[in-house]
Amino acid sequence: KLVDRDFVEDIEFITEKNSLIIFASDN
């Protein structure tokens, strides 16, 4: 699975303040 603690930290590092992250799943 893509979303884990490390992934969220990576997203935090590469995004700027006020960036929107959209996550979708049917599970």
mmCIF file of all heavy atoms, coordinates in Angstrom:
data_MODEL
# 
_entry.id   MODEL 
# 
loop_
_atom_site.group_PDB 
_atom_site.id 
_atom_site.type_symbol 
_atom_site.label_atom_id 
_atom_site.label_alt_id 
_atom_site.label_comp_id 
_atom_site.label_asym_id 
_atom_site.label_entity_id 
_atom_site.label_seq_id 
_atom_site.pdbx_PDB_ins_code 
_atom_site.Cartn_x 
_atom_site.Cartn_y 
_atom_site.Cartn_z 
_atom_site.occupancy 
_atom_site.B_iso_or_equiv 
_atom_site.pdbx_formal_charge 
_atom_site.auth_seq_id 
_atom_site.auth_comp_id 
_atom_site.auth_asym_id 
_atom_site.auth_atom_id 
_atom_site.pdbx_PDB_model_num 
ATOM 1   N N   . LYS A 1 1  ? 0.841   -1.196 0.000  1.00 0.00 ? 1  LYS A N   1 
ATOM 2   C CA  . LYS A 1 1  ? 0.000   0.000  0.000  1.00 0.00 ? 1  LYS A CA  1 
ATOM 3   C C   . LYS A 1 1  ? 0.875   1.244  0.000  1.00 0.00 ? 1  LYS A C   1 
ATOM 4   O O   . LYS A 1 1  ? 1.897   1.305  0.660  1.00 0.00 ? 1  LYS A O   1 
ATOM 5   C CB  . LYS A 1 1  ? -0.929  -0.012 1.202  1.00 0.00 ? 1  LYS A CB  1 
ATOM 6   C CG  . LYS A 1 1  ? -1.974  -1.119 1.113  1.00 0.00 ? 1  LYS A CG  1 
ATOM 7   C CD  . LYS A 1 1  ? -2.933  -1.027 2.261  1.00 0.00 ? 1  LYS A CD  1 
ATOM 8   C CE  . LYS A 1 1  ? -3.920  -2.155 2.284  1.00 0.00 ? 1  LYS A CE  1 
ATOM 9   N NZ  . LYS A 1 1  ? -4.843  -2.190 1.193  1.00 0.00 ? 1  LYS A NZ  1 
ATOM 10  N N   . LEU A 1 2  ? 0.461   2.215  -0.747 1.00 0.00 ? 2  LEU A N   1 
ATOM 11  C CA  . LEU A 1 2  ? 1.246   3.434  -0.918 1.00 0.00 ? 2  LEU A CA  1 
ATOM 12  C C   . LEU A 1 2  ? 1.279   4.289  0.346  1.00 0.00 ? 2  LEU A C   1 
ATOM 13  O O   . LEU A 1 2  ? 2.328   4.782  0.745  1.00 0.00 ? 2  LEU A O   1 
ATOM 14  C CB  . LEU A 1 2  ? 0.673   4.253  -2.086 1.00 0.00 ? 2  LEU A CB  1 
ATOM 15  C CG  . LEU A 1 2  ? 1.323   5.596  -2.363 1.00 0.00 ? 2  LEU A CG  1 
ATOM 16  C CD1 . LEU A 1 2  ? 2.772   5.400  -2.801 1.00 0.00 ? 2  LEU A CD1 1 
ATOM 17  C CD2 . LEU A 1 2  ? 0.540   6.331  -3.436 1.00 0.00 ? 2  LEU A CD2 1 
ATOM 18  N N   . VAL A 1 3  ? 0.135   4.482  0.972  1.00 0.00 ? 3  VAL A N   1 
ATOM 19  C CA  . VAL A 1 3  ? 0.052   5.405  2.102  1.00 0.00 ? 3  VAL A CA  1 
ATOM 20  C C   . VAL A 1 3  ? 0.466   4.697  3.389  1.00 0.00 ? 3  VAL A C   1 
ATOM 21  O O   . VAL A 1 3  ? -0.193  3.774  3.852  1.00 0.00 ? 3  VAL A O   1 
ATOM 22  C CB  . VAL A 1 3  ? -1.363  6.002  2.240  1.00 0.00 ? 3  VAL A CB  1 
ATOM 23  C CG1 . VAL A 1 3  ? -1.433  6.931  3.444  1.00 0.00 ? 3  VAL A CG1 1 
ATOM 24  C CG2 . VAL A 1 3  ? -1.747  6.742  0.967  1.00 0.00 ? 3  VAL A CG2 1 
ATOM 25  N N   . ASP A 1 4  ? 1.582   5.167  3.928  1.00 0.00 ? 4  ASP A N   1 
ATOM 26  C CA  . ASP A 1 4  ? 2.058   4.734  5.235  1.00 0.00 ? 4  ASP A CA  1 
ATOM 27  C C   . ASP A 1 4  ? 2.742   5.939  5.887  1.00 0.00 ? 4  ASP A C   1 
ATOM 28  O O   . ASP A 1 4  ? 2.735   7.041  5.340  1.00 0.00 ? 4  ASP A O   1 
ATOM 29  C CB  . ASP A 1 4  ? 2.983   3.517  5.145  1.00 0.00 ? 4  ASP A CB  1 
ATOM 30  C CG  . ASP A 1 4  ? 4.244   3.763  4.320  1.00 0.00 ? 4  ASP A CG  1 
ATOM 31  O OD1 . ASP A 1 4  ? 4.569   4.932  4.027  1.00 0.00 ? 4  ASP A OD1 1 
ATOM 32  O OD2 . ASP A 1 4  ? 4.917   2.781  3.970  1.00 0.00 ? 4  ASP A OD2 1 
ATOM 33  N N   . ARG A 1 5  ? 3.325   5.756  7.053  1.00 0.00 ? 5  ARG A N   1 
ATOM 34  C CA  . ARG A 1 5  ? 3.969   6.866  7.760  1.00 0.00 ? 5  ARG A CA  1 
ATOM 35  C C   . ARG A 1 5  ? 5.059   7.533  6.917  1.00 0.00 ? 5  ARG A C   1 
ATOM 36  O O   . ARG A 1 5  ? 5.136   8.751  6.839  1.00 0.00 ? 5  ARG A O   1 
ATOM 37  C CB  . ARG A 1 5  ? 4.570   6.351  9.062  1.00 0.00 ? 5  ARG A CB  1 
ATOM 38  C CG  . ARG A 1 5  ? 3.963   6.984  10.266 1.00 0.00 ? 5  ARG A CG  1 
ATOM 39  C CD  . ARG A 1 5  ? 4.537   6.445  11.566 1.00 0.00 ? 5  ARG A CD  1 
ATOM 40  N NE  . ARG A 1 5  ? 3.426   6.102  12.437 1.00 0.00 ? 5  ARG A NE  1 
ATOM 41  C CZ  . ARG A 1 5  ? 2.975   4.883  12.644 1.00 0.00 ? 5  ARG A CZ  1 
ATOM 42  N NH1 . ARG A 1 5  ? 3.535   3.860  12.096 1.00 0.00 ? 5  ARG A NH1 1 
ATOM 43  N NH2 . ARG A 1 5  ? 1.953   4.691  13.436 1.00 0.00 ? 5  ARG A NH2 1 
ATOM 44  N N   . ASP A 1 6  ? 5.898   6.713  6.288  1.00 0.00 ? 6  ASP A N   1 
ATOM 45  C CA  . ASP A 1 6  ? 6.990   7.259  5.471  1.00 0.00 ? 6  ASP A CA  1 
ATOM 46  C C   . ASP A 1 6  ? 6.456   8.064  4.290  1.00 0.00 ? 6  ASP A C   1 
ATOM 47  O O   . ASP A 1 6  ? 6.993   9.124  3.957  1.00 0.00 ? 6  ASP A O   1 
ATOM 48  C CB  . ASP A 1 6  ? 7.902   6.139  4.960  1.00 0.00 ? 6  ASP A CB  1 
ATOM 49  C CG  . ASP A 1 6  ? 8.691   5.473  6.076  1.00 0.00 ? 6  ASP A CG  1 
ATOM 50  O OD1 . ASP A 1 6  ? 8.911   6.125  7.124  1.00 0.00 ? 6  ASP A OD1 1 
ATOM 51  O OD2 . ASP A 1 6  ? 9.082   4.317  5.894  1.00 0.00 ? 6  ASP A OD2 1 
ATOM 52  N N   . PHE A 1 7  ? 5.401   7.567  3.664  1.00 0.00 ? 7  PHE A N   1 
ATOM 53  C CA  . PHE A 1 7  ? 4.814   8.273  2.528  1.00 0.00 ? 7  PHE A CA  1 
ATOM 54  C C   . PHE A 1 7  ? 4.280   9.642  2.952  1.00 0.00 ? 7  PHE A C   1 
ATOM 55  O O   . PHE A 1 7  ? 4.504   10.647 2.274  1.00 0.00 ? 7  PHE A O   1 
ATOM 56  C CB  . PHE A 1 7  ? 3.691   7.439  1.900  1.00 0.00 ? 7  PHE A CB  1 
ATOM 57  C CG  . PHE A 1 7  ? 2.990   8.129  0.769  1.00 0.00 ? 7  PHE A CG  1 
ATOM 58  C CD1 . PHE A 1 7  ? 3.569   8.199  -0.488 1.00 0.00 ? 7  PHE A CD1 1 
ATOM 59  C CD2 . PHE A 1 7  ? 1.749   8.721  0.957  1.00 0.00 ? 7  PHE A CD2 1 
ATOM 60  C CE1 . PHE A 1 7  ? 2.931   8.836  -1.544 1.00 0.00 ? 7  PHE A CE1 1 
ATOM 61  C CE2 . PHE A 1 7  ? 1.105   9.361  -0.084 1.00 0.00 ? 7  PHE A CE2 1 
ATOM 62  C CZ  . PHE A 1 7  ? 1.696   9.416  -1.336 1.00 0.00 ? 7  PHE A CZ  1 
ATOM 63  N N   . VAL A 1 8  ? 3.585   9.682  4.079  1.00 0.00 ? 8  VAL A N   1 
ATOM 64  C CA  . VAL A 1 8  ? 3.035   10.956 4.571  1.00 0.00 ? 8  VAL A CA  1 
ATOM 65  C C   . VAL A 1 8  ? 4.168   11.927 4.889  1.00 0.00 ? 8  VAL A C   1 
ATOM 66  O O   . VAL A 1 8  ? 4.085   13.114 4.568  1.00 0.00 ? 8  VAL A O   1 
ATOM 67  C CB  . VAL A 1 8  ? 2.107   10.733 5.782  1.00 0.00 ? 8  VAL A CB  1 
ATOM 68  C CG1 . VAL A 1 8  ? 1.689   12.064 6.400  1.00 0.00 ? 8  VAL A CG1 1 
ATOM 69  C CG2 . VAL A 1 8  ? 0.875   9.931  5.365  1.00 0.00 ? 8  VAL A CG2 1 
ATOM 70  N N   . GLU A 1 9  ? 5.245   11.440 5.464  1.00 0.00 ? 9  GLU A N   1 
ATOM 71  C CA  . GLU A 1 9  ? 6.407   12.299 5.727  1.00 0.00 ? 9  GLU A CA  1 
ATOM 72  C C   . GLU A 1 9  ? 7.024   12.805 4.422  1.00 0.00 ? 9  GLU A C   1 
ATOM 73  O O   . GLU A 1 9  ? 7.442   13.960 4.334  1.00 0.00 ? 9  GLU A O   1 
ATOM 74  C CB  . GLU A 1 9  ? 7.444   11.557 6.565  1.00 0.00 ? 9  GLU A CB  1 
ATOM 75  C CG  . GLU A 1 9  ? 7.004   11.367 7.999  1.00 0.00 ? 9  GLU A CG  1 
ATOM 76  C CD  . GLU A 1 9  ? 7.975   10.527 8.816  1.00 0.00 ? 9  GLU A CD  1 
ATOM 77  O OE1 . GLU A 1 9  ? 9.073   10.197 8.320  1.00 0.00 ? 9  GLU A OE1 1 
ATOM 78  O OE2 . GLU A 1 9  ? 7.626   10.202 9.963  1.00 0.00 ? 9  GLU A OE2 1 
ATOM 79  N N   . ASP A 1 10 ? 7.087   11.937 3.412  1.00 0.00 ? 10 ASP A N   1 
ATOM 80  C CA  . ASP A 1 10 ? 7.593   12.359 2.099  1.00 0.00 ? 10 ASP A CA  1 
ATOM 81  C C   . ASP A 1 10 ? 6.702   13.438 1.493  1.00 0.00 ? 10 ASP A C   1 
ATOM 82  O O   . ASP A 1 10 ? 7.196   14.433 0.948  1.00 0.00 ? 10 ASP A O   1 
ATOM 83  C CB  . ASP A 1 10 ? 7.689   11.172 1.136  1.00 0.00 ? 10 ASP A CB  1 
ATOM 84  C CG  . ASP A 1 10 ? 8.794   10.199 1.514  1.00 0.00 ? 10 ASP A CG  1 
ATOM 85  O OD1 . ASP A 1 10 ? 9.677   10.562 2.326  1.00 0.00 ? 10 ASP A OD1 1 
ATOM 86  O OD2 . ASP A 1 10 ? 8.760   9.064  0.987  1.00 0.00 ? 10 ASP A OD2 1 
ATOM 87  N N   . ILE A 1 11 ? 5.392   13.250 1.595  1.00 0.00 ? 11 ILE A N   1 
ATOM 88  C CA  . ILE A 1 11 ? 4.445   14.240 1.072  1.00 0.00 ? 11 ILE A CA  1 
ATOM 89  C C   . ILE A 1 11 ? 4.621   15.568 1.807  1.00 0.00 ? 11 ILE A C   1 
ATOM 90  O O   . ILE A 1 11 ? 4.609   16.637 1.205  1.00 0.00 ? 11 ILE A O   1 
ATOM 91  C CB  . ILE A 1 11 ? 2.991   13.737 1.200  1.00 0.00 ? 11 ILE A CB  1 
ATOM 92  C CG1 . ILE A 1 11 ? 2.752   12.567 0.263  1.00 0.00 ? 11 ILE A CG1 1 
ATOM 93  C CG2 . ILE A 1 11 ? 1.981   14.845 0.942  1.00 0.00 ? 11 ILE A CG2 1 
ATOM 94  C CD1 . ILE A 1 11 ? 2.766   12.918 -1.196 1.00 0.00 ? 11 ILE A CD1 1 
ATOM 95  N N   . GLU A 1 12 ? 4.813   15.487 3.109  1.00 0.00 ? 12 GLU A N   1 
ATOM 96  C CA  . GLU A 1 12 ? 5.049   16.702 3.901  1.00 0.00 ? 12 GLU A CA  1 
ATOM 97  C C   . GLU A 1 12 ? 6.299   17.426 3.406  1.00 0.00 ? 12 GLU A C   1 
ATOM 98  O O   . GLU A 1 12 ? 6.306   18.654 3.273  1.00 0.00 ? 12 GLU A O   1 
ATOM 99  C CB  . GLU A 1 12 ? 5.213   16.330 5.370  1.00 0.00 ? 12 GLU A CB  1 
ATOM 100 C CG  . GLU A 1 12 ? 5.544   17.503 6.252  1.00 0.00 ? 12 GLU A CG  1 
ATOM 101 C CD  . GLU A 1 12 ? 5.903   17.081 7.666  1.00 0.00 ? 12 GLU A CD  1 
ATOM 102 O OE1 . GLU A 1 12 ? 6.006   15.869 7.951  1.00 0.00 ? 12 GLU A OE1 1 
ATOM 103 O OE2 . GLU A 1 12 ? 6.105   17.988 8.486  1.00 0.00 ? 12 GLU A OE2 1 
ATOM 104 N N   . PHE A 1 13 ? 7.333   16.690 3.116  1.00 0.00 ? 13 PHE A N   1 
ATOM 105 C CA  . PHE A 1 13 ? 8.610   17.264 2.689  1.00 0.00 ? 13 PHE A CA  1 
ATOM 106 C C   . PHE A 1 13 ? 8.520   17.921 1.303  1.00 0.00 ? 13 PHE A C   1 
ATOM 107 O O   . PHE A 1 13 ? 9.107   18.974 1.076  1.00 0.00 ? 13 PHE A O   1 
ATOM 108 C CB  . PHE A 1 13 ? 9.684   16.174 2.687  1.00 0.00 ? 13 PHE A CB  1 
ATOM 109 C CG  . PHE A 1 13 ? 11.036  16.658 2.263  1.00 0.00 ? 13 PHE A CG  1 
ATOM 110 C CD1 . PHE A 1 13 ? 11.799  17.464 3.097  1.00 0.00 ? 13 PHE A CD1 1 
ATOM 111 C CD2 . PHE A 1 13 ? 11.538  16.329 1.019  1.00 0.00 ? 13 PHE A CD2 1 
ATOM 112 C CE1 . PHE A 1 13 ? 13.054  17.925 2.701  1.00 0.00 ? 13 PHE A CE1 1 
ATOM 113 C CE2 . PHE A 1 13 ? 12.779  16.777 0.605  1.00 0.00 ? 13 PHE A CE2 1 
ATOM 114 C CZ  . PHE A 1 13 ? 13.535  17.580 1.450  1.00 0.00 ? 13 PHE A CZ  1 
ATOM 115 N N   . ILE A 1 14 ? 7.788   17.319 0.380  1.00 0.00 ? 14 ILE A N   1 
ATOM 116 C CA  . ILE A 1 14 ? 7.775   17.825 -1.000 1.00 0.00 ? 14 ILE A CA  1 
ATOM 117 C C   . ILE A 1 14 ? 6.659   18.819 -1.299 1.00 0.00 ? 14 ILE A C   1 
ATOM 118 O O   . ILE A 1 14 ? 6.657   19.434 -2.364 1.00 0.00 ? 14 ILE A O   1 
ATOM 119 C CB  . ILE A 1 14 ? 7.725   16.673 -2.035 1.00 0.00 ? 14 ILE A CB  1 
ATOM 120 C CG1 . ILE A 1 14 ? 6.412   15.901 -1.929 1.00 0.00 ? 14 ILE A CG1 1 
ATOM 121 C CG2 . ILE A 1 14 ? 8.932   15.778 -1.898 1.00 0.00 ? 14 ILE A CG2 1 
ATOM 122 C CD1 . ILE A 1 14 ? 6.213   14.903 -3.049 1.00 0.00 ? 14 ILE A CD1 1 
ATOM 123 N N   . THR A 1 15 ? 5.725   18.993 -0.377 1.00 0.00 ? 15 THR A N   1 
ATOM 124 C CA  . THR A 1 15 ? 4.630   19.931 -0.626 1.00 0.00 ? 15 THR A CA  1 
ATOM 125 C C   . THR A 1 15 ? 4.864   21.249 0.095  1.00 0.00 ? 15 THR A C   1 
ATOM 126 O O   . THR A 1 15 ? 5.564   21.311 1.101  1.00 0.00 ? 15 THR A O   1 
ATOM 127 C CB  . THR A 1 15 ? 3.276   19.354 -0.174 1.00 0.00 ? 15 THR A CB  1 
ATOM 128 O OG1 . THR A 1 15 ? 3.360   18.985 1.209  1.00 0.00 ? 15 THR A OG1 1 
ATOM 129 C CG2 . THR A 1 15 ? 2.875   18.161 -1.015 1.00 0.00 ? 15 THR A CG2 1 
ATOM 130 N N   . GLU A 1 16 ? 4.248   22.270 -0.439 1.00 0.00 ? 16 GLU A N   1 
ATOM 131 C CA  . GLU A 1 16 ? 4.300   23.584 0.192  1.00 0.00 ? 16 GLU A CA  1 
ATOM 132 C C   . GLU A 1 16 ? 3.103   23.747 1.108  1.00 0.00 ? 16 GLU A C   1 
ATOM 133 O O   . GLU A 1 16 ? 2.126   23.002 1.016  1.00 0.00 ? 16 GLU A O   1 
ATOM 134 C CB  . GLU A 1 16 ? 4.262   24.666 -0.886 1.00 0.00 ? 16 GLU A CB  1 
ATOM 135 C CG  . GLU A 1 16 ? 5.452   24.631 -1.816 1.00 0.00 ? 16 GLU A CG  1 
ATOM 136 C CD  . GLU A 1 16 ? 5.362   25.684 -2.909 1.00 0.00 ? 16 GLU A CD  1 
ATOM 137 O OE1 . GLU A 1 16 ? 4.444   26.523 -2.879 1.00 0.00 ? 16 GLU A OE1 1 
ATOM 138 O OE2 . GLU A 1 16 ? 6.219   25.652 -3.794 1.00 0.00 ? 16 GLU A OE2 1 
ATOM 139 N N   . LYS A 1 17 ? 3.156   24.739 1.972  1.00 0.00 ? 17 LYS A N   1 
ATOM 140 C CA  . LYS A 1 17 ? 2.026   25.043 2.828  1.00 0.00 ? 17 LYS A CA  1 
ATOM 141 C C   . LYS A 1 17 ? 0.806   25.321 1.962  1.00 0.00 ? 17 LYS A C   1 
ATOM 142 O O   . LYS A 1 17 ? 0.910   25.884 0.879  1.00 0.00 ? 17 LYS A O   1 
ATOM 143 C CB  . LYS A 1 17 ? 2.320   26.242 3.726  1.00 0.00 ? 17 LYS A CB  1 
ATOM 144 C CG  . LYS A 1 17 ? 3.316   25.928 4.805  1.00 0.00 ? 17 LYS A CG  1 
ATOM 145 C CD  . LYS A 1 17 ? 3.506   27.092 5.732  1.00 0.00 ? 17 LYS A CD  1 
ATOM 146 C CE  . LYS A 1 17 ? 4.515   26.696 6.801  1.00 0.00 ? 17 LYS A CE  1 
ATOM 147 N NZ  . LYS A 1 17 ? 4.689   27.717 7.790  1.00 0.00 ? 17 LYS A NZ  1 
ATOM 148 N N   . ASN A 1 18 ? -0.344  24.907 2.456  1.00 0.00 ? 18 ASN A N   1 
ATOM 149 C CA  . ASN A 1 18 ? -1.645  25.057 1.795  1.00 0.00 ? 18 ASN A CA  1 
ATOM 150 C C   . ASN A 1 18 ? -1.818  24.190 0.555  1.00 0.00 ? 18 ASN A C   1 
ATOM 151 O O   . ASN A 1 18 ? -2.748  24.393 -0.211 1.00 0.00 ? 18 ASN A O   1 
ATOM 152 C CB  . ASN A 1 18 ? -1.952  26.518 1.479  1.00 0.00 ? 18 ASN A CB  1 
ATOM 153 C CG  . ASN A 1 18 ? -2.095  27.337 2.737  1.00 0.00 ? 18 ASN A CG  1 
ATOM 154 O OD1 . ASN A 1 18 ? -2.732  26.896 3.697  1.00 0.00 ? 18 ASN A OD1 1 
ATOM 155 N ND2 . ASN A 1 18 ? -1.489  28.498 2.766  1.00 0.00 ? 18 ASN A ND2 1 
ATOM 156 N N   . SER A 1 19 ? -0.923  23.223 0.354  1.00 0.00 ? 19 SER A N   1 
ATOM 157 C CA  . SER A 1 19 ? -1.128  22.258 -0.725 1.00 0.00 ? 19 SER A CA  1 
ATOM 158 C C   . SER A 1 19 ? -2.287  21.345 -0.354 1.00 0.00 ? 19 SER A C   1 
ATOM 159 O O   . SER A 1 19 ? -2.494  21.020 0.820  1.00 0.00 ? 19 SER A O   1 
ATOM 160 C CB  . SER A 1 19 ? 0.117   21.403 -0.927 1.00 0.00 ? 19 SER A CB  1 
ATOM 161 O OG  . SER A 1 19 ? 1.195   22.171 -1.373 1.00 0.00 ? 19 SER A OG  1 
ATOM 162 N N   . LEU A 1 20 ? -3.041  20.916 -1.353 1.00 0.00 ? 20 LEU A N   1 
ATOM 163 C CA  . LEU A 1 20 ? -4.125  19.965 -1.137 1.00 0.00 ? 20 LEU A CA  1 
ATOM 164 C C   . LEU A 1 20 ? -3.665  18.581 -1.569 1.00 0.00 ? 20 LEU A C   1 
ATOM 165 O O   . LEU A 1 20 ? -3.093  18.416 -2.644 1.00 0.00 ? 20 LEU A O   1 
ATOM 166 C CB  . LEU A 1 20 ? -5.366  20.359 -1.937 1.00 0.00 ? 20 LEU A CB  1 
ATOM 167 C CG  . LEU A 1 20 ? -6.023  21.671 -1.560 1.00 0.00 ? 20 LEU A CG  1 
ATOM 168 C CD1 . LEU A 1 20 ? -7.222  21.934 -2.458 1.00 0.00 ? 20 LEU A CD1 1 
ATOM 169 C CD2 . LEU A 1 20 ? -6.456  21.672 -0.099 1.00 0.00 ? 20 LEU A CD2 1 
ATOM 170 N N   . ILE A 1 21 ? -3.950  17.602 -0.741 1.00 0.00 ? 21 ILE A N   1 
ATOM 171 C CA  . ILE A 1 21 ? -3.657  16.211 -1.055 1.00 0.00 ? 21 ILE A CA  1 
ATOM 172 C C   . ILE A 1 21 ? -4.998  15.496 -1.074 1.00 0.00 ? 21 ILE A C   1 
ATOM 173 O O   . ILE A 1 21 ? -5.760  15.543 -0.105 1.00 0.00 ? 21 ILE A O   1 
ATOM 174 C CB  . ILE A 1 21 ? -2.718  15.556 -0.008 1.00 0.00 ? 21 ILE A CB  1 
ATOM 175 C CG1 . ILE A 1 21 ? -1.314  16.171 -0.069 1.00 0.00 ? 21 ILE A CG1 1 
ATOM 176 C CG2 . ILE A 1 21 ? -2.604  14.069 -0.243 1.00 0.00 ? 21 ILE A CG2 1 
ATOM 177 C CD1 . ILE A 1 21 ? -1.145  17.409 0.698  1.00 0.00 ? 21 ILE A CD1 1 
ATOM 178 N N   . ILE A 1 22 ? -5.290  14.849 -2.180 1.00 0.00 ? 22 ILE A N   1 
ATOM 179 C CA  . ILE A 1 22 ? -6.549  14.119 -2.309 1.00 0.00 ? 22 ILE A CA  1 
ATOM 180 C C   . ILE A 1 22 ? -6.230  12.628 -2.292 1.00 0.00 ? 22 ILE A C   1 
ATOM 181 O O   . ILE A 1 22 ? -5.433  12.141 -3.087 1.00 0.00 ? 22 ILE A O   1 
ATOM 182 C CB  . ILE A 1 22 ? -7.290  14.498 -3.596 1.00 0.00 ? 22 ILE A CB  1 
ATOM 183 C CG1 . ILE A 1 22 ? -7.597  15.998 -3.580 1.00 0.00 ? 22 ILE A CG1 1 
ATOM 184 C CG2 . ILE A 1 22 ? -8.566  13.677 -3.741 1.00 0.00 ? 22 ILE A CG2 1 
ATOM 185 C CD1 . ILE A 1 22 ? -8.164  16.527 -4.868 1.00 0.00 ? 22 ILE A CD1 1 
ATOM 186 N N   . PHE A 1 23 ? -6.854  11.929 -1.372 1.00 0.00 ? 23 PHE A N   1 
ATOM 187 C CA  . PHE A 1 23 ? -6.683  10.487 -1.238 1.00 0.00 ? 23 PHE A CA  1 
ATOM 188 C C   . PHE A 1 23 ? -8.041  9.842  -1.474 1.00 0.00 ? 23 PHE A C   1 
ATOM 189 O O   . PHE A 1 23 ? -9.050  10.304 -0.950 1.00 0.00 ? 23 PHE A O   1 
ATOM 190 C CB  . PHE A 1 23 ? -6.181  10.137 0.168  1.00 0.00 ? 23 PHE A CB  1 
ATOM 191 C CG  . PHE A 1 23 ? -6.247  8.673  0.479  1.00 0.00 ? 23 PHE A CG  1 
ATOM 192 C CD1 . PHE A 1 23 ? -5.255  7.823  0.010  1.00 0.00 ? 23 PHE A CD1 1 
ATOM 193 C CD2 . PHE A 1 23 ? -7.287  8.142  1.206  1.00 0.00 ? 23 PHE A CD2 1 
ATOM 194 C CE1 . PHE A 1 23 ? -5.303  6.469  0.271  1.00 0.00 ? 23 PHE A CE1 1 
ATOM 195 C CE2 . PHE A 1 23 ? -7.345  6.785  1.474  1.00 0.00 ? 23 PHE A CE2 1 
ATOM 196 C CZ  . PHE A 1 23 ? -6.356  5.951  1.008  1.00 0.00 ? 23 PHE A CZ  1 
ATOM 197 N N   . ALA A 1 24 ? -8.071  8.780  -2.263 1.00 0.00 ? 24 ALA A N   1 
ATOM 198 C CA  . ALA A 1 24 ? -9.323  8.073  -2.524 1.00 0.00 ? 24 ALA A CA  1 
ATOM 199 C C   . ALA A 1 24 ? -9.113  6.575  -2.410 1.00 0.00 ? 24 ALA A C   1 
ATOM 200 O O   . ALA A 1 24 ? -8.063  6.052  -2.790 1.00 0.00 ? 24 ALA A O   1 
ATOM 201 C CB  . ALA A 1 24 ? -9.837  8.418  -3.911 1.00 0.00 ? 24 ALA A CB  1 
ATOM 202 N N   . SER A 1 25 ? -10.111 5.910  -1.895 1.00 0.00 ? 25 SER A N   1 
ATOM 203 C CA  . SER A 1 25 ? -10.074 4.455  -1.816 1.00 0.00 ? 25 SER A CA  1 
ATOM 204 C C   . SER A 1 25 ? -11.501 3.941  -1.680 1.00 0.00 ? 25 SER A C   1 
ATOM 205 O O   . SER A 1 25 ? -12.378 4.623  -1.144 1.00 0.00 ? 25 SER A O   1 
ATOM 206 C CB  . SER A 1 25 ? -9.250  3.997  -0.613 1.00 0.00 ? 25 SER A CB  1 
ATOM 207 O OG  . SER A 1 25 ? -9.270  2.592  -0.511 1.00 0.00 ? 25 SER A OG  1 
ATOM 208 N N   . ASP A 1 26 ? -11.705 2.717  -2.158 1.00 0.00 ? 26 ASP A N   1 
ATOM 209 C CA  . ASP A 1 26 ? -12.994 2.058  -1.962 1.00 0.00 ? 26 ASP A CA  1 
ATOM 210 C C   . ASP A 1 26 ? -12.897 1.005  -0.855 1.00 0.00 ? 26 ASP A C   1 
ATOM 211 O O   . ASP A 1 26 ? -13.848 0.299  -0.583 1.00 0.00 ? 26 ASP A O   1 
ATOM 212 C CB  . ASP A 1 26 ? -13.495 1.426  -3.260 1.00 0.00 ? 26 ASP A CB  1 
ATOM 213 C CG  . ASP A 1 26 ? -12.566 0.354  -3.800 1.00 0.00 ? 26 ASP A CG  1 
ATOM 214 O OD1 . ASP A 1 26 ? -11.550 0.051  -3.150 1.00 0.00 ? 26 ASP A OD1 1 
ATOM 215 O OD2 . ASP A 1 26 ? -12.851 -0.178 -4.885 1.00 0.00 ? 26 ASP A OD2 1 
ATOM 216 N N   . ASN A 1 27 ? -11.753 0.945  -0.186 1.00 0.00 ? 27 ASN A N   1 
ATOM 217 C CA  . ASN A 1 27 ? -11.511 -0.041 0.858  1.00 0.00 ? 27 ASN A CA  1 
ATOM 218 C C   . ASN A 1 27 ? -11.537 0.650  2.213  1.00 0.00 ? 27 ASN A C   1 
ATOM 219 O O   . ASN A 1 27 ? -10.694 1.508  2.496  1.00 0.00 ? 27 ASN A O   1 
ATOM 220 C CB  . ASN A 1 27 ? -10.160 -0.724 0.619  1.00 0.00 ? 27 ASN A CB  1 
ATOM 221 C CG  . ASN A 1 27 ? -9.853  -1.780 1.639  1.00 0.00 ? 27 ASN A CG  1 
ATOM 222 O OD1 . ASN A 1 27 ? -9.441  -1.455 2.749  1.00 0.00 ? 27 ASN A OD1 1 
ATOM 223 N ND2 . ASN A 1 27 ? -10.050 -3.031 1.273  1.00 0.00 ? 27 ASN A ND2 1 
# 
